[in-house]
Protein backbone atom coordinates (compact mmCIF):
# COMPACT_ATOMS: atom_id res chain seq x y z
CA UNK A 1 11.26 81.39 -86.02
CA UNK A 2 7.82 82.75 -86.86
CA UNK A 3 6.13 85.39 -84.73
CA UNK A 4 3.78 82.98 -82.95
CA UNK A 5 6.64 80.58 -82.23
CA UNK A 6 8.58 83.41 -80.60
CA UNK A 7 5.59 84.39 -78.48
CA UNK A 8 5.25 80.81 -77.18
CA UNK A 9 8.99 80.65 -76.54
CA UNK A 10 8.76 83.84 -74.49
CA UNK A 11 5.78 82.55 -72.51
CA UNK A 12 7.58 79.32 -71.64
CA UNK A 13 10.98 80.79 -70.75
CA UNK A 14 10.54 84.30 -69.32
CA UNK A 15 10.25 82.93 -65.76
CA UNK A 16 13.79 81.51 -65.95
CA UNK A 17 15.17 85.06 -66.00
CA UNK A 18 13.16 86.26 -62.99
CA UNK A 19 14.31 86.56 -59.35
CA UNK A 20 13.35 83.68 -57.06
CA UNK A 21 10.39 85.58 -55.56
CA UNK A 22 8.72 85.69 -58.97
CA UNK A 23 9.43 82.14 -60.10
CA UNK A 24 5.88 81.05 -59.20
CA UNK A 25 4.19 83.80 -61.20
CA UNK A 26 1.99 82.47 -63.99
CA UNK A 27 2.50 83.97 -67.44
CA UNK A 28 -0.16 83.88 -70.12
CA UNK A 29 -0.33 85.01 -73.74
CA UNK A 30 -3.30 87.31 -74.30
CA UNK A 31 -4.63 89.03 -77.42
CA UNK A 32 -5.91 92.51 -76.69
CA UNK A 33 -8.20 94.68 -78.81
CA UNK A 34 -6.64 98.12 -79.13
CA UNK A 35 -7.93 101.30 -80.74
CA UNK A 36 -8.75 101.26 -84.46
CA UNK A 37 -9.45 97.51 -84.31
CA UNK A 38 -5.74 96.72 -83.89
CA UNK A 39 -5.04 93.43 -82.11
CA UNK A 40 -1.82 93.08 -80.12
CA UNK A 41 -0.38 90.04 -78.35
CA UNK A 42 0.91 90.56 -74.85
CA UNK A 43 2.30 88.53 -71.99
CA UNK A 44 0.24 88.85 -68.81
CA UNK A 45 1.66 88.14 -65.34
CA UNK A 46 -0.76 86.64 -62.82
CA UNK A 47 0.53 87.39 -59.33
CA UNK A 48 -1.23 85.70 -56.38
CA UNK A 49 -3.41 88.11 -54.43
CA UNK A 50 -2.90 91.03 -56.81
CA UNK A 51 -5.85 92.32 -58.81
CA UNK A 52 -3.53 94.26 -61.15
CA UNK A 53 -2.05 91.98 -63.80
CA UNK A 54 0.79 93.65 -65.75
CA UNK A 55 0.84 93.12 -69.51
CA UNK A 56 3.88 93.67 -71.71
CA UNK A 57 3.24 93.65 -75.45
CA UNK A 58 5.53 91.44 -77.50
CA UNK A 59 5.83 93.02 -80.96
CA UNK A 60 8.99 94.97 -80.14
CA UNK A 61 10.77 91.93 -78.72
CA UNK A 62 9.96 89.87 -81.81
CA UNK A 63 11.38 92.65 -83.97
CA UNK A 64 14.51 92.59 -81.80
CA UNK A 65 14.78 88.85 -82.43
CA UNK A 66 14.11 89.25 -86.17
CA UNK A 67 17.06 91.67 -86.47
CA UNK A 68 19.54 89.69 -84.39
CA UNK A 69 18.18 86.12 -84.62
CA UNK A 70 19.09 85.90 -80.94
CA UNK A 71 16.00 84.63 -79.16
CA UNK A 72 17.69 84.47 -75.76
CA UNK A 73 18.61 88.16 -75.73
CA UNK A 74 15.10 89.13 -76.80
CA UNK A 75 13.52 87.06 -74.02
CA UNK A 76 15.95 88.51 -71.47
CA UNK A 77 14.95 92.03 -72.56
CA UNK A 78 11.31 91.03 -72.15
CA UNK A 79 12.02 89.57 -68.70
CA UNK A 80 13.71 92.79 -67.56
CA UNK A 81 10.80 94.93 -68.70
CA UNK A 82 8.24 92.55 -67.20
CA UNK A 83 10.16 92.57 -63.92
CA UNK A 84 10.15 96.37 -63.88
CA UNK A 85 6.38 96.39 -64.50
CA UNK A 86 5.76 93.91 -61.68
CA UNK A 87 7.97 95.88 -59.30
CA UNK A 88 6.02 99.04 -60.05
CA UNK A 89 2.74 97.28 -59.36
CA UNK A 90 4.19 95.97 -56.11
CA UNK A 91 4.95 99.48 -54.82
CA UNK A 92 2.60 101.82 -53.06
CA UNK A 93 1.55 103.20 -56.45
CA UNK A 94 -0.68 100.15 -56.78
CA UNK A 95 -1.92 100.14 -53.18
CA UNK A 96 -5.45 101.35 -54.04
CA UNK A 97 -5.94 98.23 -56.15
CA UNK A 98 -4.56 95.83 -53.58
CA UNK A 99 -7.26 96.64 -51.06
CA UNK A 100 -10.89 96.26 -51.99
CA UNK A 101 -12.22 99.11 -49.87
CA UNK A 102 -15.21 101.42 -50.00
CA UNK A 103 -12.85 104.27 -50.83
CA UNK A 104 -11.49 102.64 -53.96
CA UNK A 105 -12.96 105.19 -56.36
CA UNK A 106 -11.86 108.12 -54.22
CA UNK A 107 -8.32 106.78 -54.24
CA UNK A 108 -8.09 106.65 -58.03
CA UNK A 109 -9.97 109.83 -59.05
CA UNK A 110 -6.79 111.88 -59.41
CA UNK A 111 -5.18 109.09 -61.45
CA UNK A 112 -7.87 109.02 -64.12
CA UNK A 113 -6.85 109.67 -67.72
CA UNK A 114 -8.78 110.01 -70.97
CA UNK A 115 -7.98 108.10 -74.13
CA UNK A 116 -9.62 109.70 -77.19
CA UNK A 117 -10.50 107.78 -80.34
CA UNK A 118 -12.72 108.01 -83.42
CA UNK A 119 -16.16 106.77 -82.39
CA UNK A 120 -17.09 105.58 -85.88
CA UNK A 121 -13.91 103.58 -86.41
CA UNK A 122 -13.83 101.89 -82.99
CA UNK A 123 -17.27 100.37 -82.48
CA UNK A 124 -15.92 96.91 -81.63
CA UNK A 125 -13.25 98.29 -79.29
CA UNK A 126 -15.71 100.60 -77.54
CA UNK A 127 -18.06 97.70 -76.85
CA UNK A 128 -15.59 96.41 -74.26
CA UNK A 129 -15.03 99.62 -72.34
CA UNK A 130 -17.17 102.34 -70.76
CA UNK A 131 -17.03 105.41 -72.96
CA UNK A 132 -18.60 108.77 -73.68
CA UNK A 133 -19.24 109.93 -77.24
CA UNK A 134 -18.51 113.61 -77.82
CA UNK A 135 -19.19 114.59 -81.43
CA UNK A 136 -17.09 112.37 -83.70
CA UNK A 137 -14.86 111.24 -80.84
CA UNK A 138 -15.24 108.82 -77.96
CA UNK A 139 -13.54 109.09 -74.58
CA UNK A 140 -12.40 105.94 -72.81
CA UNK A 141 -10.75 106.00 -69.42
CA UNK A 142 -7.55 104.71 -67.88
CA UNK A 143 -6.01 104.68 -64.42
CA UNK A 144 -2.34 105.55 -64.15
CA UNK A 145 -0.20 103.76 -61.58
CA UNK A 146 2.98 105.59 -62.44
CA UNK A 147 3.45 108.56 -64.73
CA UNK A 148 3.52 107.36 -68.37
CA UNK A 149 4.77 103.92 -67.37
CA UNK A 150 1.90 101.79 -66.14
CA UNK A 151 -1.79 102.38 -66.80
CA UNK A 152 -4.82 100.27 -67.48
CA UNK A 153 -8.10 100.96 -69.24
CA UNK A 154 -11.21 101.00 -67.11
CA UNK A 155 -13.32 98.03 -68.20
CA UNK A 156 -17.07 97.60 -67.93
CA UNK A 157 -16.50 95.13 -65.08
CA UNK A 158 -14.21 97.51 -63.20
CA UNK A 159 -16.68 100.38 -63.53
CA UNK A 160 -19.36 98.12 -62.03
CA UNK A 161 -16.97 97.29 -59.19
CA UNK A 162 -16.35 101.00 -58.59
CA UNK A 163 -20.08 101.52 -58.28
CA UNK A 164 -20.19 105.00 -59.85
CA UNK A 165 -22.18 106.29 -62.86
CA UNK A 166 -20.38 106.77 -66.16
CA UNK A 167 -21.18 110.49 -65.96
CA UNK A 168 -19.14 110.77 -62.74
CA UNK A 169 -16.24 108.91 -64.30
CA UNK A 170 -16.23 111.23 -67.30
CA UNK A 171 -16.46 114.42 -65.25
CA UNK A 172 -13.75 113.33 -62.82
CA UNK A 173 -11.45 112.21 -65.65
CA UNK A 174 -11.87 115.61 -67.32
CA UNK A 175 -11.06 117.37 -64.06
CA UNK A 176 -7.99 115.19 -63.48
CA UNK A 177 -6.72 115.87 -67.01
CA UNK A 178 -7.31 119.61 -66.63
CA UNK A 179 -5.33 119.66 -63.38
CA UNK A 180 -2.26 118.30 -65.19
CA UNK A 181 -2.26 121.08 -67.74
CA UNK A 182 -2.14 121.44 -71.52
CA UNK A 183 0.51 122.75 -73.90
CA UNK A 184 0.58 124.58 -77.24
CA UNK A 185 3.91 124.48 -79.06
CA UNK A 186 5.04 126.05 -82.32
CA UNK A 187 5.81 123.27 -84.79
CA UNK A 188 9.37 124.55 -85.32
CA UNK A 189 10.16 124.22 -81.61
CA UNK A 190 8.59 120.77 -81.49
CA UNK A 191 10.96 119.64 -84.25
CA UNK A 192 13.89 121.19 -82.36
CA UNK A 193 12.84 119.18 -79.31
CA UNK A 194 12.92 115.94 -81.30
CA UNK A 195 16.21 116.68 -83.07
CA UNK A 196 18.14 118.70 -80.50
CA UNK A 197 16.47 117.89 -77.21
CA UNK A 198 15.61 121.55 -76.54
CA UNK A 199 12.53 122.42 -74.49
CA UNK A 200 9.72 124.09 -76.47
CA UNK A 201 7.86 127.08 -75.05
CA UNK A 202 4.29 126.52 -73.93
CA UNK A 203 2.32 129.29 -75.63
CA UNK A 204 -0.72 128.69 -73.44
CA UNK A 205 1.42 129.89 -70.55
CA UNK A 206 3.12 132.81 -72.27
CA UNK A 207 -0.15 133.94 -73.81
CA UNK A 208 1.15 134.88 -77.25
CA UNK A 209 3.30 133.72 -80.14
CA UNK A 210 6.84 135.09 -79.63
CA UNK A 211 8.07 137.38 -82.38
CA UNK A 212 11.32 135.47 -82.77
CA UNK A 213 9.60 132.44 -84.26
CA UNK A 214 10.25 132.06 -87.97
CA UNK A 215 6.99 131.46 -89.76
CA UNK A 216 7.02 128.47 -92.13
CA UNK A 217 4.95 128.57 -95.35
CA UNK A 218 2.07 127.18 -93.28
CA UNK A 219 2.04 128.22 -89.65
CA UNK A 220 1.41 125.13 -87.50
CA UNK A 221 1.11 124.50 -83.78
CA UNK A 222 1.00 121.32 -81.72
CA UNK A 223 -1.68 121.04 -79.04
CA UNK A 224 -1.26 118.30 -76.43
CA UNK A 225 -1.13 117.71 -72.70
CA UNK A 226 1.91 118.43 -70.55
CA UNK A 227 3.02 114.80 -70.77
CA UNK A 228 2.62 114.66 -74.57
CA UNK A 229 1.03 111.26 -73.98
CA UNK A 230 -2.53 110.64 -75.21
CA UNK A 231 -2.69 114.42 -75.40
CA UNK A 232 -5.43 114.58 -78.06
CA UNK A 233 -7.83 114.38 -75.12
CA UNK A 234 -7.33 118.15 -74.64
CA UNK A 235 -9.92 118.54 -77.42
CA UNK A 236 -12.51 117.86 -74.72
CA UNK A 237 -11.33 120.79 -72.58
CA UNK A 238 -13.33 123.84 -73.65
CA UNK A 239 -11.10 126.27 -71.77
CA UNK A 240 -7.98 124.98 -73.57
CA UNK A 241 -9.64 125.42 -76.98
CA UNK A 242 -10.73 128.94 -76.09
CA UNK A 243 -7.26 129.84 -74.79
CA UNK A 244 -5.64 128.51 -77.97
CA UNK A 245 -7.90 130.82 -79.99
CA UNK A 246 -6.71 133.77 -77.92
CA UNK A 247 -3.05 132.89 -78.48
CA UNK A 248 -3.47 132.32 -82.22
CA UNK A 249 -5.60 135.41 -82.62
CA UNK A 250 -8.73 133.86 -84.08
CA UNK A 251 -10.34 130.76 -85.55
CA UNK A 252 -8.24 127.71 -86.35
CA UNK A 253 -8.41 124.37 -88.11
CA UNK A 254 -7.66 121.20 -86.13
CA UNK A 255 -5.78 118.40 -87.91
CA UNK A 256 -5.99 115.11 -85.93
CA UNK A 257 -2.31 114.13 -85.89
CA UNK A 258 -2.48 111.14 -83.50
CA UNK A 259 -3.92 110.08 -80.15
CA UNK A 260 -1.01 111.97 -78.58
CA UNK A 261 -1.49 115.41 -80.15
CA UNK A 262 -3.39 117.49 -82.71
CA UNK A 263 -2.11 120.19 -85.06
CA UNK A 264 -3.66 123.65 -85.15
CA UNK A 265 -3.46 125.93 -88.18
CA UNK A 266 -4.79 129.52 -88.00
CA UNK A 267 -7.82 129.63 -90.29
CA UNK A 268 -6.48 132.55 -92.28
CA UNK A 269 -3.41 130.56 -93.30
CA UNK A 270 -4.90 127.17 -94.19
CA UNK A 271 -5.16 127.64 -97.96
CA UNK A 272 -6.75 124.18 -98.44
CA UNK A 273 -10.30 122.98 -98.81
CA UNK A 274 -11.77 120.70 -96.13
CA UNK A 275 -11.50 117.73 -98.47
CA UNK A 276 -7.85 118.50 -99.27
CA UNK A 277 -7.10 118.73 -95.54
CA UNK A 278 -8.83 115.45 -94.89
CA UNK A 279 -6.99 113.74 -97.73
CA UNK A 280 -3.66 114.98 -96.34
CA UNK A 281 -4.48 113.66 -92.86
CA UNK A 282 -5.60 110.33 -94.33
CA UNK A 283 -2.34 109.92 -96.25
CA UNK A 284 -0.26 110.71 -93.14
CA UNK A 285 -2.30 108.23 -91.10
CA UNK A 286 -1.70 105.53 -93.70
CA UNK A 287 2.04 106.10 -94.08
CA UNK A 288 3.44 107.59 -90.86
CA UNK A 289 1.22 107.01 -87.82
CA UNK A 290 1.13 103.59 -86.14
CA UNK A 291 -2.31 101.97 -86.62
CA UNK A 292 -2.98 101.82 -82.87
CA UNK A 293 -2.09 105.54 -82.50
CA UNK A 294 -4.33 106.93 -85.25
CA UNK A 295 -6.89 109.36 -83.96
CA UNK A 296 -9.12 110.21 -86.94
CA UNK A 297 -9.16 111.73 -90.41
CA UNK A 298 -12.00 114.10 -89.49
CA UNK A 299 -10.70 117.67 -89.70
CA UNK A 300 -12.27 120.15 -87.27
CA UNK A 301 -12.75 123.92 -87.14
CA UNK A 302 -12.78 125.98 -83.95
CA UNK A 303 -15.03 129.03 -84.10
CA UNK A 304 -13.78 131.57 -81.55
CA UNK A 305 -16.96 133.65 -81.54
CA UNK A 306 -19.27 130.69 -80.92
CA UNK A 307 -16.69 128.77 -78.84
CA UNK A 308 -17.50 125.54 -80.63
CA UNK A 309 -15.56 122.80 -82.40
CA UNK A 310 -17.32 121.60 -85.55
CA UNK A 311 -16.53 119.67 -88.70
CA UNK A 312 -14.45 121.80 -91.07
CA UNK A 313 -16.59 120.86 -94.07
CA UNK A 314 -19.76 121.74 -92.14
CA UNK A 315 -18.29 125.11 -91.22
CA UNK A 316 -17.46 125.89 -94.86
CA UNK A 317 -20.96 124.79 -95.87
CA UNK A 318 -22.55 127.09 -93.29
CA UNK A 319 -20.31 129.94 -94.35
CA UNK A 320 -21.36 129.41 -97.96
CA UNK A 321 -25.05 129.46 -97.04
CA UNK A 322 -24.55 132.65 -95.04
CA UNK A 323 -22.71 134.29 -97.94
CA UNK A 324 -25.52 133.32 -100.34
CA UNK A 325 -28.10 134.76 -97.94
CA UNK A 326 -26.17 138.02 -97.60
CA UNK A 327 -25.91 138.35 -101.38
CA UNK A 328 -29.63 137.66 -101.76
CA UNK A 329 -30.53 140.20 -99.05
CA UNK A 330 -28.32 142.82 -100.67
CA UNK A 331 -29.88 142.12 -104.06
CA UNK A 332 -33.43 142.32 -102.64
CA UNK A 333 -32.62 145.59 -100.90
CA UNK A 334 -31.33 147.07 -104.15
CA UNK A 335 -34.40 145.86 -106.01
CA UNK A 336 -36.80 147.62 -103.61
CA UNK A 337 -35.06 151.01 -103.43
CA UNK A 338 -37.73 153.66 -104.36
CA UNK A 339 -37.15 155.42 -107.67
CA UNK A 340 -36.49 159.13 -107.29
CA UNK A 341 -38.97 161.26 -109.31
CA UNK A 342 -38.13 164.68 -110.74
CA UNK A 343 -40.11 167.46 -109.04
CA UNK A 344 -42.92 169.09 -110.97
CA UNK A 345 -42.46 172.71 -111.88
C-alpha cells in the first residue's frame, strides 16, 4: 500500500475505533505547510461547536504500517492518539477557545509560545502566519493547550479575531516564554540525559561551570528553554544571552542546532573559521536534523561587551578591520616621532 492509499484508508476507517460519542466527528485529510517549506499530511477532526480542530500527522503511522504491513494496527494507533487529542481539547484546557468572549486574548496570553525559524528560508511559510523578523530569524506564535502536547500556530485570521496588534502579540509571547525559564547545559550532561536518563544541571541557575565537568576537545553547551521544546526561541531573550556570557566567562559562538536548542561554544575555544562553522552546521542539518526541525545554517557570535548577537562572519570582518586600523595607527605614530638631535657644544 502506497503512502497516499494508507492516508485515505486512515481517513475512512479511524472513526470505527472511536467511542460512540465521537462516531459523528468528521475527519479530513489536510496538507499543512511547516517550517522550511516542508509539507506534512495530517488528519483533522471537525467537532461540532468546537473552534479547535485537532490535527494528528500521519507520517509516523505510515512508517509503522510499512514495517509491519499491518494496516489495522497502524490505524488503531492513530485512533488512540486522535482520541487523546480530542479529549484534551474537550477539557478545561481548551475552554478559552470554546467561548468567543471579549476576554479571549487575556485568557491565552500566558499560553503564548514562540516558534523561531530562518526568515530567508521560510518566506512561503511565513506568508500564512503573523510573524516578527529579528535579524536573520523570524518569530511565529503558538498557543499551548497542554504542556508540550497540544498547541496551534496563531494564524493571520486568528490574530484578526483577537483584535490585538502584532507588536502586542510579540511582546506578550516574549514575556510568557521568559516566565517559563531557560536552561544552559554542558554537552556532556546532555548526552548523559539521553543515554542514562540523568538530569543535567542548569548552569544559568548555578551561575558557573562546575569544576567536575570534564572538558571535551571543544567545550560545548546546549542553550534551550526549560521544556527543551522549540527552545531556540531563547535567542530572542536578551537577558538569557547576557547571563550565558557571564557563566561562560566571555564571548561565545552560537551554532543553530535545531528549532529546539542551540549550541554555544566559548569564543576562545572555537578554533574554526566562520565558513568552517557554517559548513559543519549545514552538513549536520542535511544528515541528522529532520527537515521540519532545522533552524538555520547561519552561525552567530555573541559580544559580551556590546551585548549583541551578530553574524559570526561579520564579527570576524569587523575585528579584521579594527586590527588593520590599529596597525595603521601604530605605524603612523612611529612615523611621526620627532628625531632627537644631539646638543650643540
